[in-house]
């Protein structure tokens, strides 16, 4: 029983904190706000979203920020973020 109380307390504190979370940069890059809105809408509607954008466009934060906000409002319970690692590109010389 104690474990469930601790988990509930953690979720309550987490959600209150996430409600006040601000975008981590002074401004959005071109296309980031639109992508963030699409991510939030996909989570809200329980749909999949596939995005392919060039390197340096800010995909990671444009994806994770709305997902974390959705977590705080109860639209989702977990976030899984998968990404390729550039270290895997190296082959034998």
PDB file of N, CA and C in Angstrom:
ATOM      1  N   UNK A   1       0.822  -1.197   0.000  1.00  0.00           N
ATOM      2  CA  UNK A   1       0.000   0.000   0.000  1.00  0.00           C
ATOM      3  C   UNK A   1       0.866   1.261   0.000  1.00  0.00           C
ATOM      4  N   UNK A   2       1.929   1.224   0.748  1.00  0.00           N
ATOM      5  CA  UNK A   2       2.820   2.391   0.835  1.00  0.00           C
ATOM      6  C   UNK A   2       3.394   2.732  -0.528  1.00  0.00           C
ATOM      7  N   UNK A   3       3.745   1.718  -1.305  1.00  0.00           N
ATOM      8  CA  UNK A   3       4.306   1.939  -2.640  1.00  0.00           C
ATOM      9  C   UNK A   3       3.303   2.684  -3.524  1.00  0.00           C
ATOM     10  N   UNK A   4       2.047   2.327  -3.485  1.00  0.00           N
ATOM     11  CA  UNK A   4       1.031   2.988  -4.300  1.00  0.00           C
ATOM     12  C   UNK A   4       0.849   4.451  -3.892  1.00  0.00           C
ATOM     13  N   UNK A   5       0.952   4.721  -2.613  1.00  0.00           N
ATOM     14  CA  UNK A   5       0.850   6.103  -2.127  1.00  0.00           C
ATOM     15  C   UNK A   5       2.023   6.921  -2.651  1.00  0.00           C
ATOM     16  N   UNK A   6       3.218   6.345  -2.620  1.00  0.00           N
ATOM     17  CA  UNK A   6       4.404   7.038  -3.119  1.00  0.00           C
ATOM     18  C   UNK A   6       4.306   7.300  -4.628  1.00  0.00           C
ATOM     19  N   UNK A   7       3.823   6.326  -5.360  1.00  0.00           N
ATOM     20  CA  UNK A   7       3.659   6.495  -6.807  1.00  0.00           C
ATOM     21  C   UNK A   7       2.631   7.580  -7.095  1.00  0.00           C
ATOM     22  N   UNK A   8       1.534   7.559  -6.385  1.00  0.00           N
ATOM     23  CA  UNK A   8       0.493   8.575  -6.573  1.00  0.00           C
ATOM     24  C   UNK A   8       1.027   9.967  -6.242  1.00  0.00           C
ATOM     25  N   UNK A   9       1.776  10.074  -5.168  1.00  0.00           N
ATOM     26  CA  UNK A   9       2.366  11.356  -4.774  1.00  0.00           C
ATOM     27  C   UNK A   9       3.347  11.852  -5.839  1.00  0.00           C
ATOM     28  N   UNK A  10       4.138  10.925  -6.364  1.00  0.00           N
ATOM     29  CA  UNK A  10       5.101  11.263  -7.413  1.00  0.00           C
ATOM     30  C   UNK A  10       4.370  11.778  -8.654  1.00  0.00           C
ATOM     31  N   UNK A  11       3.318  11.093  -9.085  1.00  0.00           N
ATOM     32  CA  UNK A  11       2.564  11.506 -10.268  1.00  0.00           C
ATOM     33  C   UNK A  11       1.913  12.876 -10.070  1.00  0.00           C
ATOM     34  N   UNK A  12       1.402  13.122  -8.901  1.00  0.00           N
ATOM     35  CA  UNK A  12       0.785  14.414  -8.611  1.00  0.00           C
ATOM     36  C   UNK A  12       1.812  15.542  -8.694  1.00  0.00           C
ATOM     37  N   UNK A  13       2.958  15.355  -8.059  1.00  0.00           N
ATOM     38  CA  UNK A  13       4.021  16.363  -8.099  1.00  0.00           C
ATOM     39  C   UNK A  13       4.545  16.545  -9.521  1.00  0.00           C
ATOM     40  N   UNK A  14       4.739  15.427 -10.230  1.00  0.00           N
ATOM     41  CA  UNK A  14       5.208  15.493 -11.614  1.00  0.00           C
ATOM     42  C   UNK A  14       4.240  16.291 -12.483  1.00  0.00           C
ATOM     43  N   UNK A  15       2.966  15.988 -12.381  1.00  0.00           N
ATOM     44  CA  UNK A  15       1.965  16.661 -13.210  1.00  0.00           C
ATOM     45  C   UNK A  15       1.879  18.148 -12.894  1.00  0.00           C
ATOM     46  N   UNK A  16       1.953  18.515 -11.629  1.00  0.00           N
ATOM     47  CA  UNK A  16       1.939  19.930 -11.255  1.00  0.00           C
ATOM     48  C   UNK A  16       3.160  20.653 -11.816  1.00  0.00           C
ATOM     49  N   UNK A  17       4.297  19.998 -11.776  1.00  0.00           N
ATOM     50  CA  UNK A  17       5.530  20.581 -12.299  1.00  0.00           C
ATOM     51  C   UNK A  17       5.448  20.752 -13.811  1.00  0.00           C
ATOM     52  N   UNK A  18       4.941  19.737 -14.497  1.00  0.00           N
ATOM     53  CA  UNK A  18       4.876  19.778 -15.959  1.00  0.00           C
ATOM     54  C   UNK A  18       3.885  20.817 -16.473  1.00  0.00           C
ATOM     55  N   UNK A  19       2.888  21.158 -15.679  1.00  0.00           N
ATOM     56  CA  UNK A  19       1.933  22.181 -16.097  1.00  0.00           C
ATOM     57  C   UNK A  19       2.615  23.533 -16.294  1.00  0.00           C
ATOM     58  N   UNK A  20       3.684  23.774 -15.543  1.00  0.00           N
ATOM     59  CA  UNK A  20       4.385  25.059 -15.598  1.00  0.00           C
ATOM     60  C   UNK A  20       5.648  25.000 -16.457  1.00  0.00           C
ATOM     61  N   UNK A  21       5.873  23.875 -17.094  1.00  0.00           N
ATOM     62  CA  UNK A  21       7.071  23.702 -17.910  1.00  0.00           C
ATOM     63  C   UNK A  21       7.037  24.625 -19.129  1.00  0.00           C
ATOM     64  N   UNK A  22       8.130  25.325 -19.355  1.00  0.00           N
ATOM     65  CA  UNK A  22       8.254  26.239 -20.487  1.00  0.00           C
ATOM     66  C   UNK A  22       9.171  25.618 -21.540  1.00  0.00           C
ATOM     67  N   UNK A  23       8.974  26.010 -22.791  1.00  0.00           N
ATOM     68  CA  UNK A  23       9.853  25.560 -23.862  1.00  0.00           C
ATOM     69  C   UNK A  23      11.287  25.909 -23.474  1.00  0.00           C
ATOM     70  N   UNK A  24      12.222  24.973 -23.634  1.00  0.00           N
ATOM     71  CA  UNK A  24      13.574  25.175 -23.086  1.00  0.00           C
ATOM     72  C   UNK A  24      14.463  26.171 -23.829  1.00  0.00           C
ATOM     73  N   UNK A  25      13.964  26.771 -24.896  1.00  0.00           N
ATOM     74  CA  UNK A  25      14.744  27.751 -25.642  1.00  0.00           C
ATOM     75  C   UNK A  25      13.956  29.050 -25.749  1.00  0.00           C
ATOM     76  N   UNK A  26      14.633  30.168 -25.977  1.00  0.00           N
ATOM     77  CA  UNK A  26      13.933  31.456 -26.047  1.00  0.00           C
ATOM     78  C   UNK A  26      12.864  31.505 -27.138  1.00  0.00           C
ATOM     79  N   UNK A  27      13.111  30.811 -28.251  1.00  0.00           N
ATOM     80  CA  UNK A  27      12.135  30.810 -29.330  1.00  0.00           C
ATOM     81  C   UNK A  27      12.221  29.496 -30.104  1.00  0.00           C
ATOM     82  N   UNK A  28      11.174  29.223 -30.848  1.00  0.00           N
ATOM     83  CA  UNK A  28      11.138  28.035 -31.689  1.00  0.00           C
ATOM     84  C   UNK A  28      11.921  28.284 -32.974  1.00  0.00           C
ATOM     85  N   UNK A  29      12.533  27.239 -33.512  1.00  0.00           N
ATOM     86  CA  UNK A  29      13.135  27.328 -34.842  1.00  0.00           C
ATOM     87  C   UNK A  29      12.021  27.214 -35.879  1.00  0.00           C
ATOM     88  N   UNK A  30      12.356  27.510 -37.106  1.00  0.00           N
ATOM     89  CA  UNK A  30      11.369  27.427 -38.185  1.00  0.00           C
ATOM     90  C   UNK A  30      10.830  25.991 -38.264  1.00  0.00           C
ATOM     91  N   UNK A  31       9.531  25.858 -38.184  1.00  0.00           N
ATOM     92  CA  UNK A  31       8.879  24.559 -38.296  1.00  0.00           C
ATOM     93  C   UNK A  31       8.700  23.810 -36.981  1.00  0.00           C
ATOM     94  N   UNK A  32       9.410  24.214 -35.934  1.00  0.00           N
ATOM     95  CA  UNK A  32       9.322  23.501 -34.655  1.00  0.00           C
ATOM     96  C   UNK A  32       7.949  23.621 -34.010  1.00  0.00           C
ATOM     97  N   UNK A  33       7.388  24.805 -33.998  1.00  0.00           N
ATOM     98  CA  UNK A  33       6.088  25.002 -33.353  1.00  0.00           C
ATOM     99  C   UNK A  33       5.024  24.164 -34.059  1.00  0.00           C
ATOM    100  N   UNK A  34       5.065  24.125 -35.377  1.00  0.00           N
ATOM    101  CA  UNK A  34       4.102  23.344 -36.140  1.00  0.00           C
ATOM    102  C   UNK A  34       4.254  21.852 -35.847  1.00  0.00           C
ATOM    103  N   UNK A  35       5.508  21.397 -35.776  1.00  0.00           N
ATOM    104  CA  UNK A  35       5.741  19.988 -35.473  1.00  0.00           C
ATOM    105  C   UNK A  35       5.287  19.650 -34.056  1.00  0.00           C
ATOM    106  N   UNK A  36       5.577  20.534 -33.118  1.00  0.00           N
ATOM    107  CA  UNK A  36       5.163  20.309 -31.731  1.00  0.00           C
ATOM    108  C   UNK A  36       3.640  20.213 -31.638  1.00  0.00           C
ATOM    109  N   UNK A  37       2.948  21.058 -32.377  1.00  0.00           N
ATOM    110  CA  UNK A  37       1.483  21.015 -32.380  1.00  0.00           C
ATOM    111  C   UNK A  37       0.977  19.705 -32.973  1.00  0.00           C
ATOM    112  N   UNK A  38       1.635  19.226 -34.024  1.00  0.00           N
ATOM    113  CA  UNK A  38       1.245  17.956 -34.639  1.00  0.00           C
ATOM    114  C   UNK A  38       1.488  16.782 -33.681  1.00  0.00           C
ATOM    115  N   UNK A  39       2.586  16.828 -32.957  1.00  0.00           N
ATOM    116  CA  UNK A  39       2.891  15.774 -31.981  1.00  0.00           C
ATOM    117  C   UNK A  39       1.829  15.749 -30.891  1.00  0.00           C
ATOM    118  N   UNK A  40       1.500  16.902 -30.345  1.00  0.00           N
ATOM    119  CA  UNK A  40       0.500  16.978 -29.271  1.00  0.00           C
ATOM    120  C   UNK A  40      -0.858  16.483 -29.768  1.00  0.00           C
ATOM    121  N   UNK A  41      -1.233  16.880 -30.989  1.00  0.00           N
ATOM    122  CA  UNK A  41      -2.510  16.447 -31.564  1.00  0.00           C
ATOM    123  C   UNK A  41      -2.524  14.942 -31.781  1.00  0.00           C
ATOM    124  N   UNK A  42      -1.425  14.383 -32.256  1.00  0.00           N
ATOM    125  CA  UNK A  42      -1.342  12.939 -32.469  1.00  0.00           C
ATOM    126  C   UNK A  42      -1.501  12.184 -31.147  1.00  0.00           C
ATOM    127  N   UNK A  43      -0.871  12.690 -30.103  1.00  0.00           N
ATOM    128  CA  UNK A  43      -1.000  12.050 -28.782  1.00  0.00           C
ATOM    129  C   UNK A  43      -2.441  12.156 -28.295  1.00  0.00           C
ATOM    130  N   UNK A  44      -3.023  13.319 -28.434  1.00  0.00           N
ATOM    131  CA  UNK A  44      -4.392  13.548 -27.970  1.00  0.00           C
ATOM    132  C   UNK A  44      -5.384  12.643 -28.704  1.00  0.00           C
ATOM    133  N   UNK A  45      -5.166  12.463 -29.987  1.00  0.00           N
ATOM    134  CA  UNK A  45      -6.070  11.629 -30.793  1.00  0.00           C
ATOM    135  C   UNK A  45      -5.670  10.155 -30.824  1.00  0.00           C
ATOM    136  N   UNK A  46      -4.585   9.824 -30.128  1.00  0.00           N
ATOM    137  CA  UNK A  46      -4.054   8.463 -30.071  1.00  0.00           C
ATOM    138  C   UNK A  46      -3.737   7.933 -31.465  1.00  0.00           C
ATOM    139  N   UNK A  47      -3.038   8.746 -32.231  1.00  0.00           N
ATOM    140  CA  UNK A  47      -2.628   8.398 -33.595  1.00  0.00           C
ATOM    141  C   UNK A  47      -1.114   8.353 -33.677  1.00  0.00           C
ATOM    142  N   UNK A  48      -0.619   7.713 -34.716  1.00  0.00           N
ATOM    143  CA  UNK A  48       0.817   7.679 -34.960  1.00  0.00           C
ATOM    144  C   UNK A  48       1.206   8.880 -35.818  1.00  0.00           C
ATOM    145  N   UNK A  49       2.415   9.343 -35.609  1.00  0.00           N
ATOM    146  CA  UNK A  49       2.942  10.450 -36.393  1.00  0.00           C
ATOM    147  C   UNK A  49       4.340  10.077 -36.855  1.00  0.00           C
ATOM    148  N   UNK A  50       4.561  10.129 -38.141  1.00  0.00           N
ATOM    149  CA  UNK A  50       5.873   9.860 -38.703  1.00  0.00           C
ATOM    150  C   UNK A  50       6.411  11.167 -39.271  1.00  0.00           C
ATOM    151  N   UNK A  51       7.627  11.511 -38.899  1.00  0.00           N
ATOM    152  CA  UNK A  51       8.218  12.764 -39.365  1.00  0.00           C
ATOM    153  C   UNK A  51       9.636  12.504 -39.850  1.00  0.00           C
ATOM    154  N   UNK A  52       9.972  13.103 -40.943  1.00  0.00           N
ATOM    155  CA  UNK A  52      11.315  13.010 -41.494  1.00  0.00           C
ATOM    156  C   UNK A  52      11.744  14.425 -41.871  1.00  0.00           C
ATOM    157  N   UNK A  53      12.653  14.965 -41.093  1.00  0.00           N
ATOM    158  CA  UNK A  53      13.126  16.321 -41.318  1.00  0.00           C
ATOM    159  C   UNK A  53      14.648  16.329 -41.321  1.00  0.00           C
ATOM    160  N   UNK A  54      15.254  17.331 -41.933  1.00  0.00           N
ATOM    161  CA  UNK A  54      16.715  17.401 -41.987  1.00  0.00           C
ATOM    162  C   UNK A  54      17.349  17.565 -40.603  1.00  0.00           C
ATOM    163  N   UNK A  55      18.602  17.196 -40.530  1.00  0.00           N
ATOM    164  CA  UNK A  55      19.383  17.370 -39.310  1.00  0.00           C
ATOM    165  C   UNK A  55      19.439  18.849 -38.943  1.00  0.00           C
ATOM    166  N   UNK A  56      19.301  19.143 -37.657  1.00  0.00           N
ATOM    167  CA  UNK A  56      19.427  20.514 -37.185  1.00  0.00           C
ATOM    168  C   UNK A  56      18.139  21.306 -37.153  1.00  0.00           C
ATOM    169  N   UNK A  57      17.015  20.660 -37.446  1.00  0.00           N
ATOM    170  CA  UNK A  57      15.743  21.382 -37.440  1.00  0.00           C
ATOM    171  C   UNK A  57      15.092  21.416 -36.063  1.00  0.00           C
ATOM    172  N   UNK A  58      15.640  20.676 -35.116  1.00  0.00           N
ATOM    173  CA  UNK A  58      15.087  20.681 -33.763  1.00  0.00           C
ATOM    174  C   UNK A  58      13.985  19.653 -33.546  1.00  0.00           C
ATOM    175  N   UNK A  59      14.100  18.519 -34.226  1.00  0.00           N
ATOM    176  CA  UNK A  59      13.087  17.471 -34.114  1.00  0.00           C
ATOM    177  C   UNK A  59      12.964  16.926 -32.701  1.00  0.00           C
ATOM    178  N   UNK A  60      14.075  16.732 -32.040  1.00  0.00           N
ATOM    179  CA  UNK A  60      14.043  16.105 -30.711  1.00  0.00           C
ATOM    180  C   UNK A  60      13.221  16.919 -29.729  1.00  0.00           C
ATOM    181  N   UNK A  61      13.532  18.199 -29.596  1.00  0.00           N
ATOM    182  CA  UNK A  61      12.800  19.022 -28.632  1.00  0.00           C
ATOM    183  C   UNK A  61      11.369  19.273 -29.102  1.00  0.00           C
ATOM    184  N   UNK A  62      11.161  19.349 -30.426  1.00  0.00           N
ATOM    185  CA  UNK A  62       9.811  19.565 -30.961  1.00  0.00           C
ATOM    186  C   UNK A  62       8.940  18.333 -30.752  1.00  0.00           C
ATOM    187  N   UNK A  63       9.552  17.198 -30.515  1.00  0.00           N
ATOM    188  CA  UNK A  63       8.820  15.964 -30.240  1.00  0.00           C
ATOM    189  C   UNK A  63       8.661  15.734 -28.743  1.00  0.00           C
ATOM    190  N   UNK A  64       9.759  15.891 -28.014  1.00  0.00           N
ATOM    191  CA  UNK A  64       9.728  15.576 -26.580  1.00  0.00           C
ATOM    192  C   UNK A  64       8.962  16.600 -25.746  1.00  0.00           C
ATOM    193  N   UNK A  65       9.077  17.879 -26.080  1.00  0.00           N
ATOM    194  CA  UNK A  65       8.394  18.894 -25.283  1.00  0.00           C
ATOM    195  C   UNK A  65       6.879  18.685 -25.249  1.00  0.00           C
ATOM    196  N   UNK A  66       6.190  18.539 -26.389  1.00  0.00           N
ATOM    197  CA  UNK A  66       4.743  18.311 -26.316  1.00  0.00           C
ATOM    198  C   UNK A  66       4.378  16.958 -25.702  1.00  0.00           C
ATOM    199  N   UNK A  67       5.253  15.975 -25.865  1.00  0.00           N
ATOM    200  CA  UNK A  67       4.988  14.670 -25.264  1.00  0.00           C
ATOM    201  C   UNK A  67       5.033  14.760 -23.740  1.00  0.00           C
ATOM    202  N   UNK A  68       5.999  15.483 -23.225  1.00  0.00           N
ATOM    203  CA  UNK A  68       6.111  15.666 -21.781  1.00  0.00           C
ATOM    204  C   UNK A  68       4.925  16.480 -21.255  1.00  0.00           C
ATOM    205  N   UNK A  69       4.523  17.510 -22.002  1.00  0.00           N
ATOM    206  CA  UNK A  69       3.341  18.293 -21.600  1.00  0.00           C
ATOM    207  C   UNK A  69       2.091  17.411 -21.591  1.00  0.00           C
ATOM    208  N   UNK A  70       1.955  16.533 -22.578  1.00  0.00           N
ATOM    209  CA  UNK A  70       0.815  15.612 -22.641  1.00  0.00           C
ATOM    210  C   UNK A  70       0.842  14.636 -21.468  1.00  0.00           C
ATOM    211  N   UNK A  71       2.029  14.233 -21.057  1.00  0.00           N
ATOM    212  CA  UNK A  71       2.171  13.367 -19.887  1.00  0.00           C
ATOM    213  C   UNK A  71       1.632  14.064 -18.647  1.00  0.00           C
ATOM    214  N   UNK A  72       1.936  15.335 -18.510  1.00  0.00           N
ATOM    215  CA  UNK A  72       1.494  16.107 -17.354  1.00  0.00           C
ATOM    216  C   UNK A  72       0.003  16.367 -17.306  1.00  0.00           C
ATOM    217  N   UNK A  73      -0.666  16.298 -18.450  1.00  0.00           N
ATOM    218  CA  UNK A  73      -2.116  16.513 -18.472  1.00  0.00           C
ATOM    219  C   UNK A  73      -2.896  15.212 -18.516  1.00  0.00           C
ATOM    220  N   UNK A  74      -2.195  14.092 -18.447  1.00  0.00           N
ATOM    221  CA  UNK A  74      -2.872  12.801 -18.413  1.00  0.00           C
ATOM    222  C   UNK A  74      -3.274  12.248 -19.765  1.00  0.00           C
ATOM    223  N   UNK A  75      -2.788  12.850 -20.850  1.00  0.00           N
ATOM    224  CA  UNK A  75      -3.123  12.337 -22.179  1.00  0.00           C
ATOM    225  C   UNK A  75      -2.344  11.074 -22.525  1.00  0.00           C
ATOM    226  N   UNK A  76      -1.243  10.848 -21.842  1.00  0.00           N
ATOM    227  CA  UNK A  76      -0.452   9.641 -22.029  1.00  0.00           C
ATOM    228  C   UNK A  76       0.158   9.252 -20.693  1.00  0.00           C
ATOM    229  N   UNK A  77       0.539   8.001 -20.593  1.00  0.00           N
ATOM    230  CA  UNK A  77       1.122   7.527 -19.336  1.00  0.00           C
ATOM    231  C   UNK A  77       2.621   7.284 -19.427  1.00  0.00           C
ATOM    232  N   UNK A  78       3.116   7.088 -20.635  1.00  0.00           N
ATOM    233  CA  UNK A  78       4.538   6.820 -20.818  1.00  0.00           C
ATOM    234  C   UNK A  78       5.018   7.470 -22.100  1.00  0.00           C
ATOM    235  N   UNK A  79       6.312   7.716 -22.155  1.00  0.00           N
ATOM    236  CA  UNK A  79       6.938   8.249 -23.356  1.00  0.00           C
ATOM    237  C   UNK A  79       8.105   7.331 -23.713  1.00  0.00           C
ATOM    238  N   UNK A  80       8.124   6.890 -24.947  1.00  0.00           N
ATOM    239  CA  UNK A  80       9.253   6.139 -25.492  1.00  0.00           C
ATOM    240  C   UNK A  80       9.799   6.957 -26.643  1.00  0.00           C
ATOM    241  N   UNK A  81      11.071   7.241 -26.610  1.00  0.00           N
ATOM    242  CA  UNK A  81      11.691   8.041 -27.654  1.00  0.00           C
ATOM    243  C   UNK A  81      12.850   7.248 -28.231  1.00  0.00           C
ATOM    244  N   UNK A  82      12.723   6.844 -29.477  1.00  0.00           N
ATOM    245  CA  UNK A  82      13.751   6.057 -30.142  1.00  0.00           C
ATOM    246  C   UNK A  82      14.416   6.916 -31.203  1.00  0.00           C
ATOM    247  N   UNK A  83      15.716   6.831 -31.253  1.00  0.00           N
ATOM    248  CA  UNK A  83      16.450   7.616 -32.244  1.00  0.00           C
ATOM    249  C   UNK A  83      17.696   6.842 -32.665  1.00  0.00           C
ATOM    250  N   UNK A  84      18.117   7.063 -33.888  1.00  0.00           N
ATOM    251  CA  UNK A  84      19.339   6.424 -34.379  1.00  0.00           C
ATOM    252  C   UNK A  84      20.548   7.099 -33.751  1.00  0.00           C
ATOM    253  N   UNK A  85      21.565   6.337 -33.565  1.00  0.00           N
ATOM    254  CA  UNK A  85      22.807   6.873 -33.026  1.00  0.00           C
ATOM    255  C   UNK A  85      23.828   6.967 -34.153  1.00  0.00           C
ATOM    256  N   UNK A  86      24.468   8.108 -34.292  1.00  0.00           N
ATOM    257  CA  UNK A  86      25.453   8.270 -35.355  1.00  0.00           C
ATOM    258  C   UNK A  86      26.675   7.383 -35.128  1.00  0.00           C
ATOM    259  N   UNK A  87      26.889   6.938 -33.903  1.00  0.00           N
ATOM    260  CA  UNK A  87      28.039   6.071 -33.627  1.00  0.00           C
ATOM    261  C   UNK A  87      27.875   4.720 -34.309  1.00  0.00           C
ATOM    262  N   UNK A  88      26.672   4.358 -34.690  1.00  0.00           N
ATOM    263  CA  UNK A  88      26.434   3.081 -35.359  1.00  0.00           C
ATOM    264  C   UNK A  88      26.825   3.129 -36.830  1.00  0.00           C
ATOM    265  N   UNK A  89      27.097   4.294 -37.375  1.00  0.00           N
ATOM    266  CA  UNK A  89      27.436   4.430 -38.795  1.00  0.00           C
ATOM    267  C   UNK A  89      28.833   3.928 -39.119  1.00  0.00           C
ATOM    268  N   UNK A  90      29.686   3.908 -38.154  1.00  0.00           N
ATOM    269  CA  UNK A  90      31.071   3.529 -38.428  1.00  0.00           C
ATOM    270  C   UNK A  90      31.167   2.045 -38.775  1.00  0.00           C
ATOM    271  N   UNK A  91      31.817   1.767 -39.874  1.00  0.00           N
ATOM    272  CA  UNK A  91      32.021   0.390 -40.297  1.00  0.00           C
ATOM    273  C   UNK A  91      33.491   0.043 -40.232  1.00  0.00           C
ATOM    274  N   UNK A  92      33.805  -1.175 -40.614  1.00  0.00           N
ATOM    275  CA  UNK A  92      35.231  -1.582 -40.582  1.00  0.00           C
ATOM    276  C   UNK A  92      36.021  -0.779 -41.616  1.00  0.00           C
ATOM    277  N   UNK A  93      37.241  -0.432 -41.271  1.00  0.00           N
ATOM    278  CA  UNK A  93      38.108   0.334 -42.177  1.00  0.00           C
ATOM    279  C   UNK A  93      38.933  -0.563 -43.029  1.00  0.00           C
TER     280      UNK A  93
END
